[in-house]
């Protein structure tokens, strides 16, 4: 397995407890998909070649309440026993939180890669702001979203989601739409977007069902 280690670990309330930091890093890497480490300290030491003394000290610190910890709930405890009837086998308290952060970052990076490939492949191709696309679209909600000086105002995730709900669009979410275009600085190819609602319509018609994204054929 693998896991993402956050830099904040080194400057947080574990500062000075190097055994706990090493142990936490180790648990993040060897835990299963649910954040469970069903192993004894001896097994962890044997698997990682980290001395048992360091593992035991680290587990002790991670199991204790910490009022200064960023970990929500559980009084700042970072790991808890799976079964209170045995002194080994733990679960990472905030595993789901950090897993979701990792997944969100991965999605954004994958989106950036798709955007770069799309730009290289479709240079010079008319995008959703082109005249032909505008003629084909008749939705009166696609008014240009710019101020008097022609500056585009990006929508929030909530605004997009409310619009999707209004139109009954369920193929993608407001969060994914905003994440995608935030990564492109709200450009389609070389063209600055003027109407995000227009682009929503384009996504609805051309979104690849296996990825959950749409960009006129990305």
N, C-alpha and C. Protein backbone atom coordinates (compact mmCIF):
# COMPACT_ATOMS: atom_id res chain seq x y z
N UNK A 1 0.84 -1.20 0.00
CA UNK A 1 0.00 0.00 0.00
C UNK A 1 0.88 1.25 0.00
N UNK A 2 0.24 2.40 -0.11
CA UNK A 2 0.95 3.66 -0.03
C UNK A 2 0.01 4.70 0.54
N UNK A 3 0.57 5.82 0.99
CA UNK A 3 -0.26 6.89 1.52
C UNK A 3 0.44 8.22 1.37
N UNK A 4 -0.31 9.29 1.53
CA UNK A 4 0.25 10.63 1.39
C UNK A 4 0.62 11.16 2.76
N UNK A 5 1.85 11.62 2.92
CA UNK A 5 2.33 12.21 4.17
C UNK A 5 2.31 13.73 4.01
N UNK A 6 1.63 14.42 4.91
CA UNK A 6 1.49 15.86 4.82
C UNK A 6 2.60 16.57 5.60
N UNK A 7 3.12 17.65 5.03
CA UNK A 7 4.20 18.41 5.65
C UNK A 7 3.80 18.94 7.02
N UNK A 8 2.50 19.19 7.22
CA UNK A 8 2.04 19.74 8.49
C UNK A 8 2.37 18.83 9.66
N UNK A 9 2.62 17.55 9.39
CA UNK A 9 2.97 16.61 10.44
C UNK A 9 4.22 17.04 11.18
N UNK A 10 5.16 17.67 10.46
CA UNK A 10 6.44 18.03 11.06
C UNK A 10 6.38 19.31 11.89
N UNK A 11 5.38 20.15 11.62
CA UNK A 11 5.28 21.40 12.36
C UNK A 11 4.12 21.43 13.32
N UNK A 12 3.38 20.32 13.43
CA UNK A 12 2.22 20.26 14.30
C UNK A 12 2.58 19.88 15.72
N UNK A 13 1.59 19.35 16.43
CA UNK A 13 1.80 19.05 17.85
C UNK A 13 2.65 17.80 18.07
N UNK A 14 3.03 17.10 16.99
CA UNK A 14 3.96 15.99 17.13
C UNK A 14 5.42 16.45 17.12
N UNK A 15 5.61 17.75 16.96
CA UNK A 15 6.97 18.29 16.92
C UNK A 15 7.74 17.86 18.17
N UNK A 16 8.92 17.32 17.97
CA UNK A 16 9.75 16.86 19.09
C UNK A 16 9.57 15.39 19.41
N UNK A 17 8.50 14.78 18.88
CA UNK A 17 8.25 13.36 19.10
C UNK A 17 8.60 12.59 17.83
N UNK A 18 9.89 12.47 17.57
CA UNK A 18 10.30 11.90 16.30
C UNK A 18 9.90 10.44 16.15
N UNK A 19 9.86 9.71 17.28
CA UNK A 19 9.42 8.32 17.19
C UNK A 19 7.96 8.23 16.70
N UNK A 20 7.14 9.16 17.19
CA UNK A 20 5.73 9.17 16.79
C UNK A 20 5.59 9.55 15.32
N UNK A 21 6.41 10.50 14.86
CA UNK A 21 6.35 10.92 13.45
C UNK A 21 6.73 9.75 12.55
N UNK A 22 7.83 9.06 12.89
CA UNK A 22 8.26 7.90 12.09
C UNK A 22 7.20 6.82 12.09
N UNK A 23 6.61 6.57 13.26
CA UNK A 23 5.59 5.53 13.37
C UNK A 23 4.35 5.90 12.58
N UNK A 24 3.93 7.17 12.64
CA UNK A 24 2.75 7.61 11.91
C UNK A 24 2.96 7.46 10.41
N UNK A 25 4.13 7.85 9.93
CA UNK A 25 4.44 7.68 8.51
C UNK A 25 4.33 6.21 8.12
N UNK A 26 4.86 5.34 8.97
CA UNK A 26 4.84 3.91 8.71
C UNK A 26 3.42 3.37 8.66
N UNK A 27 2.58 3.78 9.61
CA UNK A 27 1.20 3.29 9.66
C UNK A 27 0.42 3.74 8.43
N UNK A 28 0.66 4.97 7.97
CA UNK A 28 -0.02 5.48 6.78
C UNK A 28 0.31 4.63 5.56
N UNK A 29 1.55 4.16 5.48
CA UNK A 29 1.99 3.38 4.33
C UNK A 29 1.46 1.94 4.38
N UNK A 30 1.44 1.31 5.57
CA UNK A 30 1.12 -0.11 5.64
C UNK A 30 -0.35 -0.40 5.96
N UNK A 31 -1.15 0.64 6.24
CA UNK A 31 -2.56 0.39 6.56
C UNK A 31 -3.30 -0.09 5.33
N UNK A 32 -4.47 -0.73 5.54
CA UNK A 32 -5.28 -1.17 4.41
C UNK A 32 -6.15 -0.03 3.91
N UNK A 33 -7.05 -0.31 2.99
CA UNK A 33 -7.87 0.73 2.36
C UNK A 33 -8.79 1.44 3.34
N UNK A 34 -9.03 0.83 4.50
CA UNK A 34 -9.90 1.43 5.51
C UNK A 34 -9.12 2.08 6.65
N UNK A 35 -7.80 2.14 6.51
CA UNK A 35 -6.98 2.75 7.56
C UNK A 35 -6.70 1.83 8.72
N UNK A 36 -6.82 0.53 8.52
CA UNK A 36 -6.63 -0.45 9.59
C UNK A 36 -5.23 -1.07 9.50
N UNK A 37 -4.57 -1.18 10.66
CA UNK A 37 -3.28 -1.87 10.76
C UNK A 37 -3.47 -3.00 11.76
N UNK A 38 -3.84 -4.17 11.28
CA UNK A 38 -4.14 -5.30 12.16
C UNK A 38 -2.88 -6.12 12.39
N UNK A 39 -1.92 -5.50 13.09
CA UNK A 39 -0.61 -6.10 13.32
C UNK A 39 -0.14 -5.78 14.73
N UNK A 40 0.74 -6.61 15.25
CA UNK A 40 1.38 -6.33 16.54
C UNK A 40 2.54 -5.38 16.32
N UNK A 41 3.02 -4.72 17.37
CA UNK A 41 4.20 -3.87 17.22
C UNK A 41 5.39 -4.65 16.68
N UNK A 42 5.53 -5.90 17.12
CA UNK A 42 6.64 -6.72 16.65
C UNK A 42 6.53 -6.98 15.14
N UNK A 43 5.30 -7.21 14.68
CA UNK A 43 5.10 -7.45 13.25
C UNK A 43 5.40 -6.20 12.43
N UNK A 44 4.99 -5.04 12.97
CA UNK A 44 5.27 -3.77 12.27
C UNK A 44 6.77 -3.55 12.17
N UNK A 45 7.47 -3.80 13.28
CA UNK A 45 8.93 -3.63 13.29
C UNK A 45 9.59 -4.59 12.31
N UNK A 46 9.11 -5.85 12.30
CA UNK A 46 9.69 -6.84 11.40
C UNK A 46 9.45 -6.50 9.95
N UNK A 47 8.26 -5.96 9.64
CA UNK A 47 7.91 -5.63 8.26
C UNK A 47 8.69 -4.44 7.74
N UNK A 48 8.98 -3.49 8.63
CA UNK A 48 9.59 -2.22 8.20
C UNK A 48 11.06 -2.07 8.54
N UNK A 49 11.59 -3.00 9.34
CA UNK A 49 12.99 -2.95 9.81
C UNK A 49 13.25 -1.77 10.75
N UNK A 50 12.19 -1.17 11.27
CA UNK A 50 12.32 -0.10 12.27
C UNK A 50 12.41 -0.75 13.64
N UNK A 51 13.37 -0.37 14.47
CA UNK A 51 13.52 -0.99 15.79
C UNK A 51 12.23 -0.97 16.59
N UNK A 52 11.95 -2.07 17.29
CA UNK A 52 10.72 -2.21 18.05
C UNK A 52 10.56 -1.11 19.10
N UNK A 53 11.67 -0.65 19.66
CA UNK A 53 11.62 0.41 20.67
C UNK A 53 11.03 1.70 20.12
N UNK A 54 11.40 2.04 18.90
CA UNK A 54 10.88 3.26 18.26
C UNK A 54 9.39 3.09 17.97
N UNK A 55 9.00 1.93 17.45
CA UNK A 55 7.59 1.67 17.15
C UNK A 55 6.74 1.74 18.41
N UNK A 56 7.19 1.14 19.49
CA UNK A 56 6.42 1.13 20.73
C UNK A 56 6.26 2.54 21.31
N UNK A 57 7.34 3.34 21.29
CA UNK A 57 7.25 4.72 21.77
C UNK A 57 6.31 5.54 20.89
N UNK A 58 6.41 5.34 19.59
CA UNK A 58 5.55 6.06 18.67
C UNK A 58 4.08 5.71 18.85
N UNK A 59 3.77 4.44 19.01
CA UNK A 59 2.39 4.01 19.21
C UNK A 59 1.81 4.59 20.49
N UNK A 60 2.64 4.67 21.52
CA UNK A 60 2.18 5.22 22.80
C UNK A 60 1.76 6.67 22.65
N UNK A 61 2.59 7.48 21.96
CA UNK A 61 2.27 8.90 21.77
C UNK A 61 1.03 9.06 20.89
N UNK A 62 0.95 8.29 19.83
CA UNK A 62 -0.17 8.41 18.90
C UNK A 62 -1.49 7.97 19.53
N UNK A 63 -1.42 7.14 20.55
CA UNK A 63 -2.63 6.63 21.21
C UNK A 63 -3.14 7.56 22.31
N UNK A 64 -2.33 8.53 22.70
CA UNK A 64 -2.69 9.40 23.82
C UNK A 64 -3.47 10.63 23.35
N UNK A 65 -4.39 11.14 24.18
CA UNK A 65 -5.11 12.38 23.84
C UNK A 65 -4.13 13.53 23.67
N UNK A 66 -4.44 14.41 22.75
CA UNK A 66 -3.60 15.58 22.48
C UNK A 66 -4.50 16.77 22.21
N UNK A 67 -4.71 17.64 23.20
CA UNK A 67 -5.60 18.79 23.01
C UNK A 67 -5.11 19.76 21.94
N UNK A 68 -3.84 19.68 21.56
CA UNK A 68 -3.30 20.60 20.54
C UNK A 68 -3.33 20.00 19.15
N UNK A 69 -3.80 18.77 19.03
CA UNK A 69 -3.81 18.10 17.73
C UNK A 69 -4.85 18.70 16.80
N UNK A 70 -4.55 18.65 15.47
CA UNK A 70 -5.52 19.07 14.46
C UNK A 70 -6.57 18.00 14.21
N UNK A 71 -6.36 16.81 14.75
CA UNK A 71 -7.29 15.71 14.55
C UNK A 71 -8.61 16.01 15.23
N UNK A 72 -9.69 15.97 14.47
CA UNK A 72 -11.00 16.28 15.02
C UNK A 72 -11.55 15.08 15.78
N UNK A 73 -12.20 15.36 16.92
CA UNK A 73 -12.82 14.31 17.71
C UNK A 73 -11.79 13.44 18.40
N UNK A 74 -12.25 12.48 19.15
CA UNK A 74 -11.39 11.49 19.81
C UNK A 74 -10.32 12.15 20.68
N UNK A 75 -10.56 13.41 21.08
CA UNK A 75 -9.65 14.14 21.98
C UNK A 75 -8.23 14.24 21.42
N UNK A 76 -8.11 14.26 20.12
CA UNK A 76 -6.79 14.40 19.51
C UNK A 76 -6.05 13.10 19.36
N UNK A 77 -6.67 11.98 19.75
CA UNK A 77 -6.04 10.67 19.58
C UNK A 77 -5.90 10.38 18.09
N UNK A 78 -4.73 9.92 17.68
CA UNK A 78 -4.48 9.70 16.26
C UNK A 78 -4.73 8.26 15.82
N UNK A 79 -4.59 7.32 16.74
CA UNK A 79 -4.88 5.92 16.45
C UNK A 79 -5.70 5.34 17.60
N UNK A 80 -6.55 4.38 17.26
CA UNK A 80 -7.35 3.71 18.28
C UNK A 80 -7.26 2.20 18.08
N UNK A 81 -7.37 1.45 19.17
CA UNK A 81 -7.36 0.00 19.07
C UNK A 81 -8.60 -0.49 18.32
N UNK A 82 -8.40 -1.49 17.50
CA UNK A 82 -9.52 -2.09 16.79
C UNK A 82 -10.44 -2.80 17.79
N UNK A 83 -9.83 -3.47 18.71
CA UNK A 83 -10.56 -4.26 19.71
C UNK A 83 -10.00 -3.94 21.08
N UNK A 84 -10.84 -3.43 21.95
CA UNK A 84 -10.38 -3.06 23.29
C UNK A 84 -9.95 -4.24 24.14
N UNK A 85 -10.21 -5.46 23.67
CA UNK A 85 -9.86 -6.65 24.44
C UNK A 85 -8.45 -7.14 24.13
N UNK A 86 -7.77 -6.49 23.20
CA UNK A 86 -6.38 -6.88 22.90
C UNK A 86 -5.54 -5.62 22.75
N UNK A 87 -4.26 -5.69 23.11
CA UNK A 87 -3.42 -4.48 23.13
C UNK A 87 -2.75 -4.16 21.80
N UNK A 88 -3.20 -4.73 20.70
CA UNK A 88 -2.57 -4.46 19.42
C UNK A 88 -3.64 -4.44 18.32
N UNK A 89 -3.24 -3.89 17.17
CA UNK A 89 -4.18 -3.71 16.05
C UNK A 89 -4.85 -2.35 16.18
N UNK A 90 -4.59 -1.46 15.22
CA UNK A 90 -5.09 -0.08 15.32
C UNK A 90 -5.80 0.37 14.04
N UNK A 91 -6.51 1.47 14.18
CA UNK A 91 -7.11 2.15 13.04
C UNK A 91 -6.73 3.61 13.09
N UNK A 92 -6.39 4.19 11.94
CA UNK A 92 -6.04 5.61 11.87
C UNK A 92 -7.33 6.43 11.98
N UNK A 93 -7.42 7.27 12.99
CA UNK A 93 -8.66 8.00 13.28
C UNK A 93 -9.10 8.87 12.11
N UNK A 94 -8.17 9.59 11.51
CA UNK A 94 -8.53 10.54 10.44
C UNK A 94 -8.20 10.02 9.05
N UNK A 95 -8.19 8.72 8.89
CA UNK A 95 -7.80 8.14 7.61
C UNK A 95 -8.68 8.61 6.46
N UNK A 96 -10.01 8.64 6.65
CA UNK A 96 -10.92 9.04 5.58
C UNK A 96 -10.70 10.49 5.16
N UNK A 97 -10.42 11.35 6.15
CA UNK A 97 -10.18 12.77 5.85
C UNK A 97 -8.97 12.92 4.94
N UNK A 98 -7.85 12.28 5.30
CA UNK A 98 -6.64 12.43 4.51
C UNK A 98 -6.73 11.68 3.19
N UNK A 99 -7.48 10.60 3.17
CA UNK A 99 -7.68 9.88 1.92
C UNK A 99 -8.44 10.73 0.92
N UNK A 100 -9.46 11.45 1.39
CA UNK A 100 -10.25 12.29 0.50
C UNK A 100 -9.43 13.46 -0.02
N UNK A 101 -8.53 14.01 0.81
CA UNK A 101 -7.65 15.08 0.36
C UNK A 101 -6.73 14.55 -0.74
N UNK A 102 -6.20 13.39 -0.53
CA UNK A 102 -5.33 12.79 -1.53
C UNK A 102 -6.09 12.59 -2.84
N UNK A 103 -7.32 12.05 -2.74
CA UNK A 103 -8.09 11.80 -3.95
C UNK A 103 -8.43 13.09 -4.68
N UNK A 104 -8.75 14.16 -3.93
CA UNK A 104 -9.08 15.44 -4.56
C UNK A 104 -7.88 15.99 -5.31
N UNK A 105 -6.69 15.89 -4.71
CA UNK A 105 -5.49 16.37 -5.37
C UNK A 105 -5.20 15.54 -6.62
N UNK A 106 -5.43 14.25 -6.53
CA UNK A 106 -5.20 13.38 -7.68
C UNK A 106 -6.13 13.74 -8.83
N UNK A 107 -7.40 14.02 -8.50
CA UNK A 107 -8.38 14.41 -9.52
C UNK A 107 -7.95 15.69 -10.21
N UNK A 108 -7.50 16.68 -9.42
CA UNK A 108 -7.08 17.95 -10.01
C UNK A 108 -5.87 17.76 -10.93
N UNK A 109 -4.92 16.91 -10.52
CA UNK A 109 -3.75 16.67 -11.34
C UNK A 109 -4.13 15.96 -12.64
N UNK A 110 -5.04 14.97 -12.52
CA UNK A 110 -5.50 14.28 -13.72
C UNK A 110 -6.23 15.23 -14.65
N UNK A 111 -6.99 16.15 -14.07
CA UNK A 111 -7.70 17.14 -14.88
C UNK A 111 -6.72 18.02 -15.63
N UNK A 112 -5.67 18.48 -14.94
CA UNK A 112 -4.66 19.32 -15.60
C UNK A 112 -4.01 18.58 -16.76
N UNK A 113 -3.73 17.27 -16.58
CA UNK A 113 -3.13 16.49 -17.64
C UNK A 113 -4.06 16.39 -18.84
N UNK A 114 -5.36 16.18 -18.59
CA UNK A 114 -6.31 16.09 -19.69
C UNK A 114 -6.41 17.41 -20.43
N UNK A 115 -6.39 18.51 -19.66
CA UNK A 115 -6.48 19.83 -20.29
C UNK A 115 -5.27 20.07 -21.17
N UNK A 116 -4.07 19.71 -20.71
CA UNK A 116 -2.87 19.91 -21.52
C UNK A 116 -2.94 19.08 -22.80
N UNK A 117 -3.39 17.83 -22.67
CA UNK A 117 -3.49 16.99 -23.87
C UNK A 117 -4.52 17.54 -24.84
N UNK A 118 -5.63 18.03 -24.27
CA UNK A 118 -6.69 18.58 -25.12
C UNK A 118 -6.22 19.82 -25.87
N UNK A 119 -5.48 20.68 -25.19
CA UNK A 119 -4.97 21.90 -25.84
C UNK A 119 -4.03 21.55 -26.98
N UNK A 120 -3.14 20.56 -26.75
CA UNK A 120 -2.19 20.18 -27.78
C UNK A 120 -2.89 19.56 -28.99
N UNK A 121 -3.97 18.84 -28.73
CA UNK A 121 -4.68 18.12 -29.79
C UNK A 121 -5.62 19.02 -30.57
N UNK A 122 -6.16 20.03 -29.93
CA UNK A 122 -7.23 20.82 -30.55
C UNK A 122 -6.86 22.29 -30.74
N UNK A 123 -5.62 22.59 -31.01
CA UNK A 123 -5.23 23.97 -31.25
C UNK A 123 -5.94 24.48 -32.50
N UNK A 124 -6.56 25.63 -32.35
CA UNK A 124 -7.23 26.25 -33.48
C UNK A 124 -8.65 25.77 -33.70
N UNK A 125 -9.12 24.78 -32.89
CA UNK A 125 -10.48 24.29 -33.06
C UNK A 125 -11.45 25.21 -32.35
N UNK A 126 -12.61 25.50 -32.95
CA UNK A 126 -13.61 26.37 -32.35
C UNK A 126 -14.17 25.72 -31.09
N UNK A 127 -14.23 26.48 -29.98
CA UNK A 127 -14.71 25.97 -28.71
C UNK A 127 -16.08 26.57 -28.40
N UNK A 128 -16.51 26.45 -27.15
CA UNK A 128 -17.89 26.78 -26.82
C UNK A 128 -18.20 28.25 -26.98
N UNK A 129 -17.16 29.11 -27.10
CA UNK A 129 -17.43 30.52 -27.33
C UNK A 129 -17.49 30.86 -28.82
N UNK A 130 -17.24 29.85 -29.68
CA UNK A 130 -17.24 30.11 -31.11
C UNK A 130 -18.64 30.41 -31.62
N UNK A 131 -18.71 31.09 -32.78
CA UNK A 131 -20.00 31.53 -33.30
C UNK A 131 -20.91 30.36 -33.66
N UNK A 132 -20.36 29.27 -34.23
CA UNK A 132 -21.19 28.14 -34.61
C UNK A 132 -21.85 27.50 -33.40
N UNK A 133 -21.05 27.35 -32.31
CA UNK A 133 -21.60 26.75 -31.10
C UNK A 133 -22.69 27.64 -30.53
N UNK A 134 -22.48 28.97 -30.60
CA UNK A 134 -23.47 29.89 -30.05
C UNK A 134 -24.77 29.82 -30.84
N UNK A 135 -24.68 29.62 -32.18
CA UNK A 135 -25.87 29.55 -33.00
C UNK A 135 -26.68 28.30 -32.70
N UNK A 136 -25.94 27.19 -32.40
CA UNK A 136 -26.65 25.95 -32.13
C UNK A 136 -27.34 25.96 -30.78
N UNK A 137 -26.86 26.77 -29.86
CA UNK A 137 -27.41 26.77 -28.51
C UNK A 137 -28.46 27.86 -28.37
N UNK A 138 -29.63 27.48 -27.85
CA UNK A 138 -30.73 28.43 -27.75
C UNK A 138 -31.18 28.66 -26.32
N UNK A 139 -30.43 28.14 -25.32
CA UNK A 139 -30.81 28.30 -23.92
C UNK A 139 -30.63 29.76 -23.51
N UNK A 140 -31.70 30.40 -23.04
CA UNK A 140 -31.64 31.81 -22.68
C UNK A 140 -30.85 32.05 -21.42
N UNK A 141 -30.46 30.96 -20.70
CA UNK A 141 -29.68 31.13 -19.48
C UNK A 141 -28.20 31.31 -19.76
N UNK A 142 -27.77 31.26 -21.02
CA UNK A 142 -26.35 31.32 -21.32
C UNK A 142 -25.90 32.73 -21.64
N UNK A 143 -26.42 33.71 -20.96
CA UNK A 143 -25.96 35.08 -21.15
C UNK A 143 -24.50 35.19 -20.76
N UNK A 144 -23.78 36.12 -21.37
CA UNK A 144 -22.37 36.29 -21.09
C UNK A 144 -22.16 36.72 -19.64
N UNK A 145 -21.25 36.01 -18.95
CA UNK A 145 -21.00 36.26 -17.53
C UNK A 145 -19.79 37.17 -17.34
N UNK A 146 -19.84 38.36 -17.91
CA UNK A 146 -18.74 39.31 -17.78
C UNK A 146 -19.28 40.65 -17.32
N UNK A 147 -18.38 41.47 -16.72
CA UNK A 147 -18.80 42.79 -16.28
C UNK A 147 -18.68 43.79 -17.44
N UNK A 148 -18.88 45.05 -17.17
CA UNK A 148 -18.86 46.07 -18.22
C UNK A 148 -17.51 46.18 -18.90
N UNK A 149 -16.47 45.77 -18.18
CA UNK A 149 -15.14 45.84 -18.75
C UNK A 149 -14.73 44.53 -19.43
N UNK A 150 -15.68 43.62 -19.53
CA UNK A 150 -15.42 42.36 -20.22
C UNK A 150 -14.68 41.33 -19.40
N UNK A 151 -14.63 41.51 -18.08
CA UNK A 151 -13.93 40.56 -17.22
C UNK A 151 -14.88 39.45 -16.77
N UNK A 152 -14.46 38.22 -16.98
CA UNK A 152 -15.29 37.06 -16.62
C UNK A 152 -15.27 36.83 -15.11
N UNK A 153 -16.42 36.54 -14.56
CA UNK A 153 -16.53 36.25 -13.13
C UNK A 153 -16.81 34.76 -12.96
N UNK A 154 -15.83 33.97 -12.48
CA UNK A 154 -16.05 32.52 -12.33
C UNK A 154 -17.16 32.23 -11.32
N UNK A 155 -17.96 31.20 -11.55
CA UNK A 155 -19.01 30.83 -10.61
C UNK A 155 -18.45 30.03 -9.46
N UNK A 156 -19.19 29.95 -8.38
CA UNK A 156 -18.81 29.09 -7.26
C UNK A 156 -19.36 27.69 -7.52
N UNK A 157 -18.85 26.72 -6.76
CA UNK A 157 -19.35 25.36 -6.89
C UNK A 157 -20.85 25.32 -6.60
N UNK A 158 -21.28 26.11 -5.60
CA UNK A 158 -22.69 26.12 -5.22
C UNK A 158 -23.56 26.67 -6.35
N UNK A 159 -23.09 27.76 -7.00
CA UNK A 159 -23.84 28.34 -8.10
C UNK A 159 -24.02 27.34 -9.25
N UNK A 160 -22.94 26.63 -9.56
CA UNK A 160 -23.03 25.66 -10.65
C UNK A 160 -23.96 24.51 -10.26
N UNK A 161 -23.81 24.03 -9.01
CA UNK A 161 -24.65 22.92 -8.58
C UNK A 161 -26.13 23.29 -8.58
N UNK A 162 -26.44 24.52 -8.14
CA UNK A 162 -27.84 24.97 -8.15
C UNK A 162 -28.37 25.02 -9.59
N UNK A 163 -27.52 25.44 -10.53
CA UNK A 163 -27.93 25.49 -11.93
C UNK A 163 -28.14 24.08 -12.48
N UNK A 164 -27.24 23.14 -12.10
CA UNK A 164 -27.38 21.76 -12.54
C UNK A 164 -28.68 21.15 -12.00
N UNK A 165 -28.97 21.44 -10.72
CA UNK A 165 -30.20 20.93 -10.12
C UNK A 165 -31.43 21.49 -10.83
N UNK A 166 -31.35 22.78 -11.16
CA UNK A 166 -32.48 23.43 -11.84
C UNK A 166 -32.74 22.79 -13.20
N UNK A 167 -31.66 22.43 -13.90
CA UNK A 167 -31.79 21.85 -15.23
C UNK A 167 -31.96 20.33 -15.20
N UNK A 168 -31.84 19.74 -14.00
CA UNK A 168 -31.97 18.29 -13.90
C UNK A 168 -30.78 17.55 -14.46
N UNK A 169 -29.60 18.18 -14.43
CA UNK A 169 -28.37 17.57 -14.96
C UNK A 169 -27.68 16.81 -13.83
N UNK A 170 -27.47 15.51 -14.02
CA UNK A 170 -26.86 14.67 -12.98
C UNK A 170 -25.58 13.98 -13.45
N UNK A 171 -25.17 14.24 -14.71
CA UNK A 171 -24.00 13.54 -15.25
C UNK A 171 -22.70 14.00 -14.60
N UNK A 172 -22.66 15.16 -13.99
CA UNK A 172 -21.48 15.65 -13.31
C UNK A 172 -21.93 16.62 -12.23
N UNK A 173 -21.01 17.01 -11.35
CA UNK A 173 -21.33 17.89 -10.23
C UNK A 173 -20.73 19.28 -10.43
N UNK A 174 -21.24 20.22 -9.65
CA UNK A 174 -20.69 21.57 -9.69
C UNK A 174 -19.24 21.59 -9.26
N UNK A 175 -18.88 20.74 -8.31
CA UNK A 175 -17.50 20.68 -7.83
C UNK A 175 -16.55 20.26 -8.94
N UNK A 176 -16.92 19.23 -9.69
CA UNK A 176 -16.05 18.75 -10.77
C UNK A 176 -15.94 19.78 -11.89
N UNK A 177 -17.05 20.42 -12.20
CA UNK A 177 -17.04 21.44 -13.26
C UNK A 177 -16.10 22.58 -12.89
N UNK A 178 -16.23 23.11 -11.66
CA UNK A 178 -15.40 24.24 -11.23
C UNK A 178 -13.94 23.81 -11.10
N UNK A 179 -13.67 22.61 -10.57
CA UNK A 179 -12.29 22.13 -10.46
C UNK A 179 -11.64 22.05 -11.84
N UNK A 180 -12.40 21.55 -12.82
CA UNK A 180 -11.85 21.39 -14.17
C UNK A 180 -11.44 22.73 -14.76
N UNK A 181 -12.37 23.71 -14.73
CA UNK A 181 -12.07 24.98 -15.38
C UNK A 181 -11.17 25.88 -14.54
N UNK A 182 -11.15 25.66 -13.23
CA UNK A 182 -10.18 26.41 -12.40
C UNK A 182 -8.77 26.02 -12.81
N UNK A 183 -8.58 24.74 -13.16
CA UNK A 183 -7.26 24.25 -13.57
C UNK A 183 -6.83 24.86 -14.90
N UNK A 184 -7.79 25.30 -15.73
CA UNK A 184 -7.45 25.91 -17.02
C UNK A 184 -7.50 27.43 -16.98
N UNK A 185 -7.71 27.99 -15.76
CA UNK A 185 -7.89 29.43 -15.60
C UNK A 185 -9.08 29.92 -16.41
N UNK A 186 -10.10 29.06 -16.52
CA UNK A 186 -11.36 29.37 -17.22
C UNK A 186 -11.14 29.70 -18.70
N UNK A 187 -10.29 28.87 -19.33
CA UNK A 187 -10.09 28.93 -20.76
C UNK A 187 -10.60 27.64 -21.38
N UNK A 188 -11.09 27.73 -22.63
CA UNK A 188 -11.35 26.58 -23.48
C UNK A 188 -10.38 26.67 -24.63
N UNK A 189 -9.34 25.82 -24.61
CA UNK A 189 -8.29 25.96 -25.60
C UNK A 189 -7.59 27.29 -25.38
N UNK A 190 -7.61 28.16 -26.42
CA UNK A 190 -7.00 29.48 -26.32
C UNK A 190 -8.03 30.58 -26.07
N UNK A 191 -9.28 30.17 -25.88
CA UNK A 191 -10.36 31.14 -25.76
C UNK A 191 -10.84 31.27 -24.32
N UNK A 192 -10.89 32.50 -23.83
CA UNK A 192 -11.40 32.75 -22.49
C UNK A 192 -12.91 32.54 -22.46
N UNK A 193 -13.38 31.80 -21.48
CA UNK A 193 -14.81 31.53 -21.37
C UNK A 193 -15.57 32.81 -21.04
N UNK A 194 -16.71 33.00 -21.71
CA UNK A 194 -17.56 34.14 -21.44
C UNK A 194 -18.88 33.72 -20.78
N UNK A 195 -19.27 32.47 -20.98
CA UNK A 195 -20.53 31.98 -20.39
C UNK A 195 -20.31 30.57 -19.85
N UNK A 196 -20.22 30.44 -18.53
CA UNK A 196 -20.03 29.10 -17.96
C UNK A 196 -21.29 28.24 -18.14
N UNK A 197 -22.45 28.86 -18.20
CA UNK A 197 -23.69 28.10 -18.41
C UNK A 197 -23.70 27.48 -19.81
N UNK A 198 -23.13 28.20 -20.76
CA UNK A 198 -23.01 27.65 -22.11
C UNK A 198 -22.14 26.39 -22.08
N UNK A 199 -21.05 26.45 -21.32
CA UNK A 199 -20.15 25.30 -21.22
C UNK A 199 -20.81 24.14 -20.48
N UNK A 200 -21.69 24.43 -19.54
CA UNK A 200 -22.45 23.37 -18.88
C UNK A 200 -23.26 22.60 -19.91
N UNK A 201 -23.88 23.33 -20.84
CA UNK A 201 -24.66 22.69 -21.89
C UNK A 201 -23.79 21.81 -22.77
N UNK A 202 -22.58 22.29 -23.07
CA UNK A 202 -21.65 21.51 -23.89
C UNK A 202 -21.26 20.23 -23.17
N UNK A 203 -20.98 20.35 -21.88
CA UNK A 203 -20.63 19.17 -21.07
C UNK A 203 -21.76 18.16 -21.09
N UNK A 204 -22.98 18.63 -20.89
CA UNK A 204 -24.13 17.74 -20.80
C UNK A 204 -24.27 16.89 -22.07
N UNK A 205 -23.92 17.49 -23.22
CA UNK A 205 -24.10 16.81 -24.49
C UNK A 205 -22.95 15.88 -24.83
N UNK A 206 -21.75 16.16 -24.29
CA UNK A 206 -20.58 15.41 -24.77
C UNK A 206 -19.79 14.75 -23.67
N UNK A 207 -20.29 14.73 -22.42
CA UNK A 207 -19.52 14.19 -21.30
C UNK A 207 -19.25 12.70 -21.49
N UNK A 208 -17.98 12.26 -21.34
CA UNK A 208 -17.68 10.81 -21.41
C UNK A 208 -18.23 10.14 -20.17
N UNK A 209 -19.05 9.13 -20.34
CA UNK A 209 -19.73 8.52 -19.21
C UNK A 209 -18.78 7.78 -18.29
N UNK A 210 -17.62 7.33 -18.80
CA UNK A 210 -16.73 6.54 -17.96
C UNK A 210 -15.84 7.39 -17.08
N UNK A 211 -15.74 8.71 -17.36
CA UNK A 211 -14.87 9.54 -16.56
C UNK A 211 -15.61 10.54 -15.71
N UNK A 212 -16.79 10.92 -16.10
CA UNK A 212 -17.53 11.91 -15.33
C UNK A 212 -17.11 13.33 -15.63
N UNK A 213 -16.42 13.54 -16.77
CA UNK A 213 -16.02 14.88 -17.17
C UNK A 213 -16.48 15.14 -18.58
N UNK A 214 -16.58 16.39 -18.94
CA UNK A 214 -16.90 16.70 -20.32
C UNK A 214 -16.20 17.95 -20.76
N UNK A 215 -15.71 17.94 -21.98
CA UNK A 215 -15.09 19.15 -22.52
C UNK A 215 -15.10 19.06 -24.04
N UNK A 216 -16.28 18.80 -24.56
CA UNK A 216 -16.40 18.74 -26.01
C UNK A 216 -15.57 17.63 -26.62
N UNK A 217 -15.42 16.51 -25.90
CA UNK A 217 -14.71 15.37 -26.47
C UNK A 217 -13.41 15.05 -25.79
N UNK A 218 -13.13 15.69 -24.62
CA UNK A 218 -11.90 15.32 -23.91
C UNK A 218 -11.99 13.86 -23.50
